[in-house]
Amino acid sequence: MNKLLGKRMASWMLLAGAAALAGCAGLTGGGPSAASSAPVYRCEQGLQFTVRFVNNTAVLKGARGDDVLLRDAGGQGTQTVYSNPRLRAEFGLGAGGREAALQYLQPPPLVARCVRD
C-alpha cells in the first residue's frame, strides 16, 4: 500500500515539474496575454481563477495559489474531475456546463461553487 502511495506522489511531483517546465517553454500559453484568454471562473466567497486543460491535467491559477491537478475517474456526461492532495475540482456542472465546484482539502478547508465568464 505504501509503495502505491509513494508511486502516486512521485507521479504528482513529476507532473507538477513538467507543467512548470511547459509553462516556462510557453507550451501552456503562459504570459499576460494568454492569461486573459484562459477561461475565468468566479466563485462564492469572492474567489476567482483561470484554468488551462493540458493532457489530462488542469492548471489553475488563482488567489489561493497555483495548482496542477490530475484527471480523476468520476463525473457524468461532460463533467470532468481533477485533483491533487490539496484540491479537488469538478468542471462541466450546471445546465449549460459552465459551472465548477472547488473543494480545498487542506486547511483552511473550503468548498466553493463557481461559474465561467
PDB file of N, CA and C in Angstrom:
ATOM      1  N   MET A   1       0.815  -1.190   0.000  1.00  0.00           N
ATOM      2  CA  MET A   1       0.000   0.000   0.000  1.00  0.00           C
ATOM      3  C   MET A   1       0.865   1.264   0.000  1.00  0.00           C
ATOM      4  N   ASN A   2       1.924   1.267   0.847  1.00  0.00           N
ATOM      5  CA  ASN A   2       2.816   2.423   0.897  1.00  0.00           C
ATOM      6  C   ASN A   2       3.558   2.601  -0.409  1.00  0.00           C
ATOM      7  N   LYS A   3       3.859   1.481  -1.091  1.00  0.00           N
ATOM      8  CA  LYS A   3       4.529   1.557  -2.378  1.00  0.00           C
ATOM      9  C   LYS A   3       3.662   2.288  -3.392  1.00  0.00           C
ATOM     10  N   LEU A   4       2.366   1.964  -3.404  1.00  0.00           N
ATOM     11  CA  LEU A   4       1.422   2.599  -4.322  1.00  0.00           C
ATOM     12  C   LEU A   4       1.315   4.090  -4.029  1.00  0.00           C
ATOM     13  N   LEU A   5       1.226   4.445  -2.756  1.00  0.00           N
ATOM     14  CA  LEU A   5       1.149   5.855  -2.376  1.00  0.00           C
ATOM     15  C   LEU A   5       2.418   6.591  -2.795  1.00  0.00           C
ATOM     16  N   GLY A   6       3.577   5.947  -2.593  1.00  0.00           N
ATOM     17  CA  GLY A   6       4.842   6.559  -2.993  1.00  0.00           C
ATOM     18  C   GLY A   6       4.908   6.792  -4.493  1.00  0.00           C
ATOM     19  N   LYS A   7       4.435   5.824  -5.277  1.00  0.00           N
ATOM     20  CA  LYS A   7       4.420   5.970  -6.732  1.00  0.00           C
ATOM     21  C   LYS A   7       3.492   7.100  -7.155  1.00  0.00           C
ATOM     22  N   ARG A   8       2.334   7.194  -6.512  1.00  0.00           N
ATOM     23  CA  ARG A   8       1.372   8.250  -6.864  1.00  0.00           C
ATOM     24  C   ARG A   8       1.948   9.629  -6.552  1.00  0.00           C
ATOM     25  N   MET A   9       2.587   9.758  -5.382  1.00  0.00           N
ATOM     26  CA  MET A   9       3.182  11.051  -5.020  1.00  0.00           C
ATOM     27  C   MET A   9       4.316  11.404  -5.986  1.00  0.00           C
ATOM     28  N   ALA A  10       5.096  10.404  -6.401  1.00  0.00           N
ATOM     29  CA  ALA A  10       6.165  10.663  -7.365  1.00  0.00           C
ATOM     30  C   ALA A  10       5.573  11.135  -8.685  1.00  0.00           C
ATOM     31  N   SER A  11       4.441  10.548  -9.075  1.00  0.00           N
ATOM     32  CA  SER A  11       3.767  10.972 -10.311  1.00  0.00           C
ATOM     33  C   SER A  11       3.304  12.411 -10.200  1.00  0.00           C
ATOM     34  N   TRP A  12       2.764  12.788  -9.044  1.00  0.00           N
ATOM     35  CA  TRP A  12       2.298  14.171  -8.835  1.00  0.00           C
ATOM     36  C   TRP A  12       3.470  15.141  -8.992  1.00  0.00           C
ATOM     37  N   MET A  13       4.586  14.785  -8.381  1.00  0.00           N
ATOM     38  CA  MET A  13       5.739  15.681  -8.412  1.00  0.00           C
ATOM     39  C   MET A  13       6.299  15.793  -9.821  1.00  0.00           C
ATOM     40  N   LEU A  14       6.368  14.682 -10.552  1.00  0.00           N
ATOM     41  CA  LEU A  14       6.842  14.732 -11.933  1.00  0.00           C
ATOM     42  C   LEU A  14       5.924  15.576 -12.795  1.00  0.00           C
ATOM     43  N   LEU A  15       4.621  15.408 -12.608  1.00  0.00           N
ATOM     44  CA  LEU A  15       3.655  16.165 -13.395  1.00  0.00           C
ATOM     45  C   LEU A  15       3.746  17.659 -13.082  1.00  0.00           C
ATOM     46  N   ALA A  16       3.874  17.996 -11.810  1.00  0.00           N
ATOM     47  CA  ALA A  16       3.996  19.411 -11.439  1.00  0.00           C
ATOM     48  C   ALA A  16       5.253  20.014 -12.060  1.00  0.00           C
ATOM     49  N   GLY A  17       6.353  19.251 -12.035  1.00  0.00           N
ATOM     50  CA  GLY A  17       7.584  19.739 -12.650  1.00  0.00           C
ATOM     51  C   GLY A  17       7.434  19.906 -14.150  1.00  0.00           C
ATOM     52  N   ALA A  18       6.769  18.945 -14.804  1.00  0.00           N
ATOM     53  CA  ALA A  18       6.554  19.031 -16.252  1.00  0.00           C
ATOM     54  C   ALA A  18       5.678  20.227 -16.595  1.00  0.00           C
ATOM     55  N   ALA A  19       4.648  20.465 -15.792  1.00  0.00           N
ATOM     56  CA  ALA A  19       3.777  21.613 -16.056  1.00  0.00           C
ATOM     57  C   ALA A  19       4.541  22.921 -15.889  1.00  0.00           C
ATOM     58  N   ALA A  20       5.410  22.973 -14.878  1.00  0.00           N
ATOM     59  CA  ALA A  20       6.202  24.184 -14.675  1.00  0.00           C
ATOM     60  C   ALA A  20       7.140  24.414 -15.851  1.00  0.00           C
ATOM     61  N   LEU A  21       7.780  23.342 -16.319  1.00  0.00           N
ATOM     62  CA  LEU A  21       8.669  23.479 -17.473  1.00  0.00           C
ATOM     63  C   LEU A  21       7.891  23.865 -18.730  1.00  0.00           C
ATOM     64  N   ALA A  22       6.712  23.271 -18.905  1.00  0.00           N
ATOM     65  CA  ALA A  22       5.895  23.608 -20.072  1.00  0.00           C
ATOM     66  C   ALA A  22       5.504  25.074 -20.032  1.00  0.00           C
ATOM     67  N   GLY A  23       5.196  25.579 -18.837  1.00  0.00           N
ATOM     68  CA  GLY A  23       4.855  26.990 -18.703  1.00  0.00           C
ATOM     69  C   GLY A  23       6.033  27.884 -19.054  1.00  0.00           C
ATOM     70  N   CYS A  24       7.231  27.476 -18.633  1.00  0.00           N
ATOM     71  CA  CYS A  24       8.426  28.250 -18.960  1.00  0.00           C
ATOM     72  C   CYS A  24       8.705  28.225 -20.455  1.00  0.00           C
ATOM     73  N   ALA A  25       8.397  27.110 -21.100  1.00  0.00           N
ATOM     74  CA  ALA A  25       8.659  26.986 -22.530  1.00  0.00           C
ATOM     75  C   ALA A  25       7.539  27.581 -23.372  1.00  0.00           C
ATOM     76  N   GLY A  26       6.476  28.032 -22.713  1.00  0.00           N
ATOM     77  CA  GLY A  26       5.361  28.626 -23.443  1.00  0.00           C
ATOM     78  C   GLY A  26       4.383  27.602 -23.991  1.00  0.00           C
ATOM     79  N   LEU A  27       4.521  26.324 -23.606  1.00  0.00           N
ATOM     80  CA  LEU A  27       3.630  25.300 -24.127  1.00  0.00           C
ATOM     81  C   LEU A  27       2.225  25.411 -23.572  1.00  0.00           C
ATOM     82  N   THR A  28       2.083  25.947 -22.370  1.00  0.00           N
ATOM     83  CA  THR A  28       0.754  26.120 -21.805  1.00  0.00           C
ATOM     84  C   THR A  28       0.216  27.506 -22.113  1.00  0.00           C
ATOM     85  N   GLY A  29       0.923  28.246 -22.925  1.00  0.00           N
ATOM     86  CA  GLY A  29       0.441  29.577 -23.285  1.00  0.00           C
ATOM     87  C   GLY A  29       0.643  30.579 -22.181  1.00  0.00           C
ATOM     88  N   GLY A  30       1.743  30.444 -21.419  1.00  0.00           N
ATOM     89  CA  GLY A  30       1.983  31.355 -20.315  1.00  0.00           C
ATOM     90  C   GLY A  30       2.170  32.781 -20.790  1.00  0.00           C
ATOM     91  N   GLY A  31       2.088  33.720 -19.881  1.00  0.00           N
ATOM     92  CA  GLY A  31       2.278  35.122 -20.215  1.00  0.00           C
ATOM     93  C   GLY A  31       0.995  35.901 -20.025  1.00  0.00           C
ATOM     94  N   PRO A  32       1.098  37.219 -19.940  1.00  0.00           N
ATOM     95  CA  PRO A  32      -0.054  38.055 -19.642  1.00  0.00           C
ATOM     96  C   PRO A  32      -1.174  37.953 -20.674  1.00  0.00           C
ATOM     97  N   SER A  33      -0.851  37.892 -21.951  1.00  0.00           N
ATOM     98  CA  SER A  33      -1.914  37.855 -22.950  1.00  0.00           C
ATOM     99  C   SER A  33      -2.638  36.522 -22.930  1.00  0.00           C
ATOM    100  N   ALA A  34      -1.914  35.432 -22.623  1.00  0.00           N
ATOM    101  CA  ALA A  34      -2.546  34.115 -22.574  1.00  0.00           C
ATOM    102  C   ALA A  34      -3.460  34.007 -21.364  1.00  0.00           C
ATOM    103  N   ALA A  35      -3.078  34.630 -20.247  1.00  0.00           N
ATOM    104  CA  ALA A  35      -3.908  34.563 -19.048  1.00  0.00           C
ATOM    105  C   ALA A  35      -5.287  35.143 -19.308  1.00  0.00           C
ATOM    106  N   SER A  36      -5.360  36.163 -20.151  1.00  0.00           N
ATOM    107  CA  SER A  36      -6.652  36.766 -20.432  1.00  0.00           C
ATOM    108  C   SER A  36      -7.496  35.889 -21.342  1.00  0.00           C
ATOM    109  N   SER A  37      -6.872  34.954 -22.094  1.00  0.00           N
ATOM    110  CA  SER A  37      -7.636  34.080 -22.971  1.00  0.00           C
ATOM    111  C   SER A  37      -8.069  32.794 -22.275  1.00  0.00           C
ATOM    112  N   ALA A  38      -7.507  32.489 -21.103  1.00  0.00           N
ATOM    113  CA  ALA A  38      -7.907  31.301 -20.345  1.00  0.00           C
ATOM    114  C   ALA A  38      -9.288  31.546 -19.742  1.00  0.00           C
ATOM    115  N   PRO A  39     -10.105  30.493 -19.662  1.00  0.00           N
ATOM    116  CA  PRO A  39     -11.419  30.667 -19.043  1.00  0.00           C
ATOM    117  C   PRO A  39     -11.291  31.180 -17.612  1.00  0.00           C
ATOM    118  N   VAL A  40     -12.115  32.160 -17.271  1.00  0.00           N
ATOM    119  CA  VAL A  40     -12.130  32.732 -15.928  1.00  0.00           C
ATOM    120  C   VAL A  40     -13.378  32.239 -15.211  1.00  0.00           C
ATOM    121  N   TYR A  41     -13.189  31.730 -14.010  1.00  0.00           N
ATOM    122  CA  TYR A  41     -14.292  31.287 -13.168  1.00  0.00           C
ATOM    123  C   TYR A  41     -14.382  32.219 -11.978  1.00  0.00           C
ATOM    124  N   ARG A  42     -15.592  32.644 -11.647  1.00  0.00           N
ATOM    125  CA  ARG A  42     -15.848  33.470 -10.468  1.00  0.00           C
ATOM    126  C   ARG A  42     -16.670  32.624  -9.495  1.00  0.00           C
ATOM    127  N   CYS A  43     -16.223  32.637  -8.237  1.00  0.00           N
ATOM    128  CA  CYS A  43     -16.786  31.721  -7.249  1.00  0.00           C
ATOM    129  C   CYS A  43     -17.369  32.466  -6.059  1.00  0.00           C
ATOM    130  N   GLU A  44     -18.056  31.671  -5.245  1.00  0.00           N
ATOM    131  CA  GLU A  44     -18.529  32.176  -3.960  1.00  0.00           C
ATOM    132  C   GLU A  44     -17.320  32.608  -3.132  1.00  0.00           C
ATOM    133  N   GLN A  45     -17.548  33.336  -2.094  1.00  0.00           N
ATOM    134  CA  GLN A  45     -16.507  33.853  -1.202  1.00  0.00           C
ATOM    135  C   GLN A  45     -15.509  34.744  -1.930  1.00  0.00           C
ATOM    136  N   GLY A  46     -15.879  35.287  -3.096  1.00  0.00           N
ATOM    137  CA  GLY A  46     -15.021  36.220  -3.815  1.00  0.00           C
ATOM    138  C   GLY A  46     -13.826  35.599  -4.514  1.00  0.00           C
ATOM    139  N   LEU A  47     -13.780  34.280  -4.613  1.00  0.00           N
ATOM    140  CA  LEU A  47     -12.663  33.624  -5.299  1.00  0.00           C
ATOM    141  C   LEU A  47     -12.795  33.783  -6.803  1.00  0.00           C
ATOM    142  N   GLN A  48     -11.669  33.750  -7.474  1.00  0.00           N
ATOM    143  CA  GLN A  48     -11.620  33.818  -8.935  1.00  0.00           C
ATOM    144  C   GLN A  48     -10.383  33.051  -9.386  1.00  0.00           C
ATOM    145  N   PHE A  49     -10.487  32.309 -10.493  1.00  0.00           N
ATOM    146  CA  PHE A  49      -9.328  31.589 -11.012  1.00  0.00           C
ATOM    147  C   PHE A  49      -9.452  31.403 -12.514  1.00  0.00           C
ATOM    148  N   THR A  50      -8.304  31.150 -13.146  1.00  0.00           N
ATOM    149  CA  THR A  50      -8.284  30.758 -14.556  1.00  0.00           C
ATOM    150  C   THR A  50      -7.850  29.306 -14.605  1.00  0.00           C
ATOM    151  N   VAL A  51      -8.207  28.630 -15.686  1.00  0.00           N
ATOM    152  CA  VAL A  51      -7.842  27.219 -15.819  1.00  0.00           C
ATOM    153  C   VAL A  51      -7.395  26.933 -17.246  1.00  0.00           C
ATOM    154  N   ARG A  52      -6.371  26.110 -17.365  1.00  0.00           N
ATOM    155  CA  ARG A  52      -5.893  25.598 -18.652  1.00  0.00           C
ATOM    156  C   ARG A  52      -5.914  24.080 -18.550  1.00  0.00           C
ATOM    157  N   PHE A  53      -6.481  23.432 -19.553  1.00  0.00           N
ATOM    158  CA  PHE A  53      -6.530  21.981 -19.605  1.00  0.00           C
ATOM    159  C   PHE A  53      -5.459  21.502 -20.581  1.00  0.00           C
ATOM    160  N   VAL A  54      -4.523  20.687 -20.084  1.00  0.00           N
ATOM    161  CA  VAL A  54      -3.401  20.205 -20.885  1.00  0.00           C
ATOM    162  C   VAL A  54      -3.163  18.727 -20.566  1.00  0.00           C
ATOM    163  N   ASN A  55      -3.351  17.847 -21.561  1.00  0.00           N
ATOM    164  CA  ASN A  55      -3.014  16.421 -21.412  1.00  0.00           C
ATOM    165  C   ASN A  55      -3.463  15.803 -20.091  1.00  0.00           C
ATOM    166  N   ASN A  56      -4.738  15.728 -19.860  1.00  0.00           N
ATOM    167  CA  ASN A  56      -5.305  15.125 -18.642  1.00  0.00           C
ATOM    168  C   ASN A  56      -4.911  15.839 -17.358  1.00  0.00           C
ATOM    169  N   THR A  57      -4.576  17.130 -17.463  1.00  0.00           N
ATOM    170  CA  THR A  57      -4.330  17.944 -16.280  1.00  0.00           C
ATOM    171  C   THR A  57      -5.138  19.225 -16.393  1.00  0.00           C
ATOM    172  N   ALA A  58      -5.382  19.827 -15.256  1.00  0.00           N
ATOM    173  CA  ALA A  58      -5.979  21.160 -15.191  1.00  0.00           C
ATOM    174  C   ALA A  58      -5.016  22.024 -14.387  1.00  0.00           C
ATOM    175  N   VAL A  59      -4.592  23.138 -14.960  1.00  0.00           N
ATOM    176  CA  VAL A  59      -3.672  24.052 -14.288  1.00  0.00           C
ATOM    177  C   VAL A  59      -4.476  25.277 -13.874  1.00  0.00           C
ATOM    178  N   LEU A  60      -4.698  25.402 -12.561  1.00  0.00           N
ATOM    179  CA  LEU A  60      -5.485  26.506 -12.018  1.00  0.00           C
ATOM    180  C   LEU A  60      -4.564  27.578 -11.477  1.00  0.00           C
ATOM    181  N   LYS A  61      -4.890  28.832 -11.748  1.00  0.00           N
ATOM    182  CA  LYS A  61      -4.159  29.979 -11.213  1.00  0.00           C
ATOM    183  C   LYS A  61      -5.192  30.890 -10.564  1.00  0.00           C
ATOM    184  N   GLY A  62      -4.999  31.152  -9.270  1.00  0.00           N
ATOM    185  CA  GLY A  62      -5.963  31.977  -8.568  1.00  0.00           C
ATOM    186  C   GLY A  62      -5.418  32.533  -7.279  1.00  0.00           C
ATOM    187  N   ALA A  63      -6.314  33.126  -6.494  1.00  0.00           N
ATOM    188  CA  ALA A  63      -5.950  33.810  -5.267  1.00  0.00           C
ATOM    189  C   ALA A  63      -5.372  32.863  -4.211  1.00  0.00           C
ATOM    190  N   ARG A  64      -5.765  31.592  -4.249  1.00  0.00           N
ATOM    191  CA  ARG A  64      -5.249  30.630  -3.267  1.00  0.00           C
ATOM    192  C   ARG A  64      -4.015  29.896  -3.776  1.00  0.00           C
ATOM    193  N   GLY A  65      -3.394  30.430  -4.822  1.00  0.00           N
ATOM    194  CA  GLY A  65      -2.177  29.840  -5.357  1.00  0.00           C
ATOM    195  C   GLY A  65      -2.432  29.090  -6.655  1.00  0.00           C
ATOM    196  N   ASP A  66      -1.365  28.559  -7.221  1.00  0.00           N
ATOM    197  CA  ASP A  66      -1.451  27.795  -8.464  1.00  0.00           C
ATOM    198  C   ASP A  66      -1.482  26.313  -8.128  1.00  0.00           C
ATOM    199  N   ASP A  67      -2.266  25.555  -8.890  1.00  0.00           N
ATOM    200  CA  ASP A  67      -2.374  24.116  -8.672  1.00  0.00           C
ATOM    201  C   ASP A  67      -2.360  23.388  -9.995  1.00  0.00           C
ATOM    202  N   VAL A  68      -1.654  22.252 -10.029  1.00  0.00           N
ATOM    203  CA  VAL A  68      -1.705  21.337 -11.162  1.00  0.00           C
ATOM    204  C   VAL A  68      -2.488  20.128 -10.680  1.00  0.00           C
ATOM    205  N   LEU A  69      -3.618  19.868 -11.321  1.00  0.00           N
ATOM    206  CA  LEU A  69      -4.499  18.774 -10.923  1.00  0.00           C
ATOM    207  C   LEU A  69      -4.481  17.682 -11.985  1.00  0.00           C
ATOM    208  N   LEU A  70      -4.514  16.421 -11.549  1.00  0.00           N
ATOM    209  CA  LEU A  70      -4.584  15.290 -12.468  1.00  0.00           C
ATOM    210  C   LEU A  70      -6.028  14.871 -12.689  1.00  0.00           C
ATOM    211  N   ARG A  71      -6.330  14.390 -13.878  1.00  0.00           N
ATOM    212  CA  ARG A  71      -7.676  13.911 -14.208  1.00  0.00           C
ATOM    213  C   ARG A  71      -7.973  12.688 -13.366  1.00  0.00           C
ATOM    214  N   ASP A  72      -9.143  12.658 -12.750  1.00  0.00           N
ATOM    215  CA  ASP A  72      -9.605  11.544 -11.932  1.00  0.00           C
ATOM    216  C   ASP A  72     -10.766  10.856 -12.611  1.00  0.00           C
ATOM    217  N   ALA A  73     -11.045   9.657 -12.136  1.00  0.00           N
ATOM    218  CA  ALA A  73     -12.276   8.990 -12.549  1.00  0.00           C
ATOM    219  C   ALA A  73     -13.428   9.768 -11.911  1.00  0.00           C
ATOM    220  N   GLY A  74     -14.574   9.716 -12.508  1.00  0.00           N
ATOM    221  CA  GLY A  74     -15.725  10.405 -11.943  1.00  0.00           C
ATOM    222  C   GLY A  74     -16.306  11.382 -12.937  1.00  0.00           C
ATOM    223  N   GLY A  75     -17.409  11.942 -12.567  1.00  0.00           N
ATOM    224  CA  GLY A  75     -18.115  12.845 -13.448  1.00  0.00           C
ATOM    225  C   GLY A  75     -19.065  12.071 -14.348  1.00  0.00           C
ATOM    226  N   GLN A  76     -20.105  12.732 -14.780  1.00  0.00           N
ATOM    227  CA  GLN A  76     -21.094  12.111 -15.654  1.00  0.00           C
ATOM    228  C   GLN A  76     -21.249  12.958 -16.896  1.00  0.00           C
ATOM    229  N   GLY A  77     -21.370  12.327 -18.056  1.00  0.00           N
ATOM    230  CA  GLY A  77     -21.534  13.080 -19.292  1.00  0.00           C
ATOM    231  C   GLY A  77     -20.309  13.928 -19.575  1.00  0.00           C
ATOM    232  N   THR A  78     -20.531  15.243 -19.678  1.00  0.00           N
ATOM    233  CA  THR A  78     -19.419  16.157 -19.980  1.00  0.00           C
ATOM    234  C   THR A  78     -18.689  16.641 -18.731  1.00  0.00           C
ATOM    235  N   GLN A  79     -19.100  16.173 -17.554  1.00  0.00           N
ATOM    236  CA  GLN A  79     -18.429  16.573 -16.317  1.00  0.00           C
ATOM    237  C   GLN A  79     -17.061  15.903 -16.222  1.00  0.00           C
ATOM    238  N   THR A  80     -16.078  16.651 -15.729  1.00  0.00           N
ATOM    239  CA  THR A  80     -14.739  16.112 -15.507  1.00  0.00           C
ATOM    240  C   THR A  80     -14.291  16.437 -14.096  1.00  0.00           C
ATOM    241  N   VAL A  81     -13.463  15.569 -13.542  1.00  0.00           N
ATOM    242  CA  VAL A  81     -12.969  15.726 -12.178  1.00  0.00           C
ATOM    243  C   VAL A  81     -11.449  15.679 -12.202  1.00  0.00           C
ATOM    244  N   TYR A  82     -10.821  16.620 -11.500  1.00  0.00           N
ATOM    245  CA  TYR A  82      -9.364  16.705 -11.388  1.00  0.00           C
ATOM    246  C   TYR A  82      -9.025  16.882  -9.913  1.00  0.00           C
ATOM    247  N   SER A  83      -7.855  16.385  -9.487  1.00  0.00           N
ATOM    248  CA  SER A  83      -7.480  16.567  -8.084  1.00  0.00           C
ATOM    249  C   SER A  83      -5.972  16.465  -7.880  1.00  0.00           C
ATOM    250  N   ASN A  84      -5.561  16.940  -6.721  1.00  0.00           N
ATOM    251  CA  ASN A  84      -4.223  16.737  -6.177  1.00  0.00           C
ATOM    252  C   ASN A  84      -4.411  16.632  -4.669  1.00  0.00           C
ATOM    253  N   PRO A  85      -3.364  16.450  -3.877  1.00  0.00           N
ATOM    254  CA  PRO A  85      -3.572  16.291  -2.432  1.00  0.00           C
ATOM    255  C   PRO A  85      -4.201  17.511  -1.746  1.00  0.00           C
ATOM    256  N   ARG A  86      -4.181  18.665  -2.380  1.00  0.00           N
ATOM    257  CA  ARG A  86      -4.684  19.905  -1.780  1.00  0.00           C
ATOM    258  C   ARG A  86      -6.075  20.300  -2.254  1.00  0.00           C
ATOM    259  N   LEU A  87      -6.452  19.893  -3.495  1.00  0.00           N
ATOM    260  CA  LEU A  87      -7.653  20.434  -4.128  1.00  0.00           C
ATOM    261  C   LEU A  87      -8.328  19.398  -5.014  1.00  0.00           C
ATOM    262  N   ARG A  88      -9.666  19.420  -5.019  1.00  0.00           N
ATOM    263  CA  ARG A  88     -10.473  18.611  -5.945  1.00  0.00           C
ATOM    264  C   ARG A  88     -11.366  19.588  -6.702  1.00  0.00           C
ATOM    265  N   ALA A  89     -11.408  19.462  -8.031  1.00  0.00           N
ATOM    266  CA  ALA A  89     -12.198  20.380  -8.860  1.00  0.00           C
ATOM    267  C   ALA A  89     -13.059  19.575  -9.827  1.00  0.00           C
ATOM    268  N   GLU A  90     -14.323  19.964  -9.929  1.00  0.00           N
ATOM    269  CA  GLU A  90     -15.257  19.360 -10.875  1.00  0.00           C
ATOM    270  C   GLU A  90     -15.664  20.434 -11.878  1.00  0.00           C
ATOM    271  N   PHE A  91     -15.581  20.120 -13.160  1.00  0.00           N
ATOM    272  CA  PHE A  91     -15.937  21.055 -14.226  1.00  0.00           C
ATOM    273  C   PHE A  91     -17.078  20.483 -15.054  1.00  0.00           C
ATOM    274  N   GLY A  92     -17.788  21.368 -15.756  1.00  0.00           N
ATOM    275  CA  GLY A  92     -18.880  20.944 -16.624  1.00  0.00           C
ATOM    276  C   GLY A  92     -20.185  20.741 -15.884  1.00  0.00           C
ATOM    277  N   LEU A  93     -20.337  21.376 -14.731  1.00  0.00           N
ATOM    278  CA  LEU A  93     -21.557  21.241 -13.936  1.00  0.00           C
ATOM    279  C   LEU A  93     -22.611  22.242 -14.405  1.00  0.00           C
ATOM    280  N   GLY A  94     -23.824  22.083 -13.931  1.00  0.00           N
ATOM    281  CA  GLY A  94     -24.912  23.007 -14.258  1.00  0.00           C
ATOM    282  C   GLY A  94     -25.551  22.675 -15.592  1.00  0.00           C
ATOM    283  N   ALA A  95     -26.672  23.310 -15.844  1.00  0.00           N
ATOM    284  CA  ALA A  95     -27.443  23.036 -17.063  1.00  0.00           C
ATOM    285  C   ALA A  95     -26.641  23.316 -18.325  1.00  0.00           C
ATOM    286  N   GLY A  96     -25.873  24.386 -18.352  1.00  0.00           N
ATOM    287  CA  GLY A  96     -25.094  24.742 -19.535  1.00  0.00           C
ATOM    288  C   GLY A  96     -23.655  24.255 -19.500  1.00  0.00           C
ATOM    289  N   GLY A  97     -23.261  23.553 -18.439  1.00  0.00           N
ATOM    290  CA  GLY A  97     -21.894  23.071 -18.318  1.00  0.00           C
ATOM    291  C   GLY A  97     -20.884  24.153 -17.987  1.00  0.00           C
ATOM    292  N   ARG A  98     -21.355  25.328 -17.538  1.00  0.00           N
ATOM    293  CA  ARG A  98     -20.461  26.465 -17.260  1.00  0.00           C
ATOM    294  C   ARG A  98     -20.082  26.580 -15.785  1.00  0.00           C
ATOM    295  N   GLU A  99     -20.534  25.636 -14.974  1.00  0.00           N
ATOM    296  CA  GLU A  99     -20.258  25.723 -13.547  1.00  0.00           C
ATOM    297  C   GLU A  99     -19.165  24.747 -13.139  1.00  0.00           C
ATOM    298  N   ALA A 100     -18.522  25.060 -12.017  1.00  0.00           N
ATOM    299  CA  ALA A 100     -17.486  24.204 -11.447  1.00  0.00           C
ATOM    300  C   ALA A 100     -17.644  24.207  -9.933  1.00  0.00           C
ATOM    301  N   ALA A 101     -17.083  23.202  -9.300  1.00  0.00           N
ATOM    302  CA  ALA A 101     -17.064  23.128  -7.840  1.00  0.00           C
ATOM    303  C   ALA A 101     -15.632  22.877  -7.406  1.00  0.00           C
ATOM    304  N   LEU A 102     -15.150  23.689  -6.472  1.00  0.00           N
ATOM    305  CA  LEU A 102     -13.814  23.518  -5.904  1.00  0.00           C
ATOM    306  C   LEU A 102     -13.949  23.037  -4.472  1.00  0.00           C
ATOM    307  N   GLN A 103     -13.128  22.069  -4.097  1.00  0.00           N
ATOM    308  CA  GLN A 103     -13.089  21.596  -2.719  1.00  0.00           C
ATOM    309  C   GLN A 103     -11.634  21.585  -2.276  1.00  0.00           C
ATOM    310  N   TYR A 104     -11.249  22.614  -1.504  1.00  0.00           N
ATOM    311  CA  TYR A 104      -9.900  22.668  -0.950  1.00  0.00           C
ATOM    312  C   TYR A 104      -9.863  21.726   0.245  1.00  0.00           C
ATOM    313  N   LEU A 105      -8.944  20.770   0.218  1.00  0.00           N
ATOM    314  CA  LEU A 105      -8.902  19.718   1.223  1.00  0.00           C
ATOM    315  C   LEU A 105      -8.038  20.067   2.413  1.00  0.00           C
ATOM    316  N   GLN A 106      -7.031  20.929   2.210  1.00  0.00           N
ATOM    317  CA  GLN A 106      -6.120  21.256   3.296  1.00  0.00           C
ATOM    318  C   GLN A 106      -6.537  22.570   3.940  1.00  0.00           C
ATOM    319  N   PRO A 107      -6.152  22.748   5.191  1.00  0.00           N
ATOM    320  CA  PRO A 107      -6.587  23.931   5.937  1.00  0.00           C
ATOM    321  C   PRO A 107      -6.228  25.230   5.250  1.00  0.00           C
ATOM    322  N   PRO A 108      -7.062  26.206   5.306  1.00  0.00           N
ATOM    323  CA  PRO A 108      -8.432  26.038   5.785  1.00  0.00           C
ATOM    324  C   PRO A 108      -9.291  25.382   4.705  1.00  0.00           C
ATOM    325  N   PRO A 109     -10.059  24.346   5.068  1.00  0.00           N
ATOM    326  CA  PRO A 109     -10.908  23.688   4.074  1.00  0.00           C
ATOM    327  C   PRO A 109     -11.961  24.660   3.537  1.00  0.00           C
ATOM    328  N   LEU A 110     -12.323  24.472   2.282  1.00  0.00           N
ATOM    329  CA  LEU A 110     -13.284  25.376   1.645  1.00  0.00           C
ATOM    330  C   LEU A 110     -13.957  24.650   0.488  1.00  0.00           C
ATOM    331  N   VAL A 111     -15.253  24.856   0.339  1.00  0.00           N
ATOM    332  CA  VAL A 111     -15.993  24.359  -0.817  1.00  0.00           C
ATOM    333  C   VAL A 111     -16.638  25.577  -1.473  1.00  0.00           C
ATOM    334  N   ALA A 112     -16.448  25.717  -2.782  1.00  0.00           N
ATOM    335  CA  ALA A 112     -16.999  26.879  -3.480  1.00  0.00           C
ATOM    336  C   ALA A 112     -17.607  26.457  -4.825  1.00  0.00           C
ATOM    337  N   ARG A 113     -18.762  27.023  -5.137  1.00  0.00           N
ATOM    338  CA  ARG A 113     -19.391  26.845  -6.444  1.00  0.00           C
ATOM    339  C   ARG A 113     -18.942  28.021  -7.305  1.00  0.00           C
ATOM    340  N   CYS A 114     -18.652  27.736  -8.582  1.00  0.00           N
ATOM    341  CA  CYS A 114     -18.100  28.742  -9.478  1.00  0.00           C
ATOM    342  C   CYS A 114     -18.828  28.742 -10.821  1.00  0.00           C
ATOM    343  N   VAL A 115     -18.769  29.866 -11.528  1.00  0.00           N
ATOM    344  CA  VAL A 115     -19.379  29.995 -12.853  1.00  0.00           C
ATOM    345  C   VAL A 115     -18.350  30.606 -13.784  1.00  0.00           C
ATOM    346  N   ARG A 116     -18.241  30.006 -14.981  1.00  0.00           N
ATOM    347  CA  ARG A 116     -17.312  30.511 -16.006  1.00  0.00           C
ATOM    348  C   ARG A 116     -17.895  31.754 -16.653  1.00  0.00           C
ATOM    349  N   ASP A 117     -17.063  32.798 -16.831  1.00  0.00           N
ATOM    350  CA  ASP A 117     -17.490  34.034 -17.511  1.00  0.00           C
ATOM    351  C   ASP A 117     -17.820  33.751 -18.960  1.00  0.00           C
TER     352      ASP A 117
END
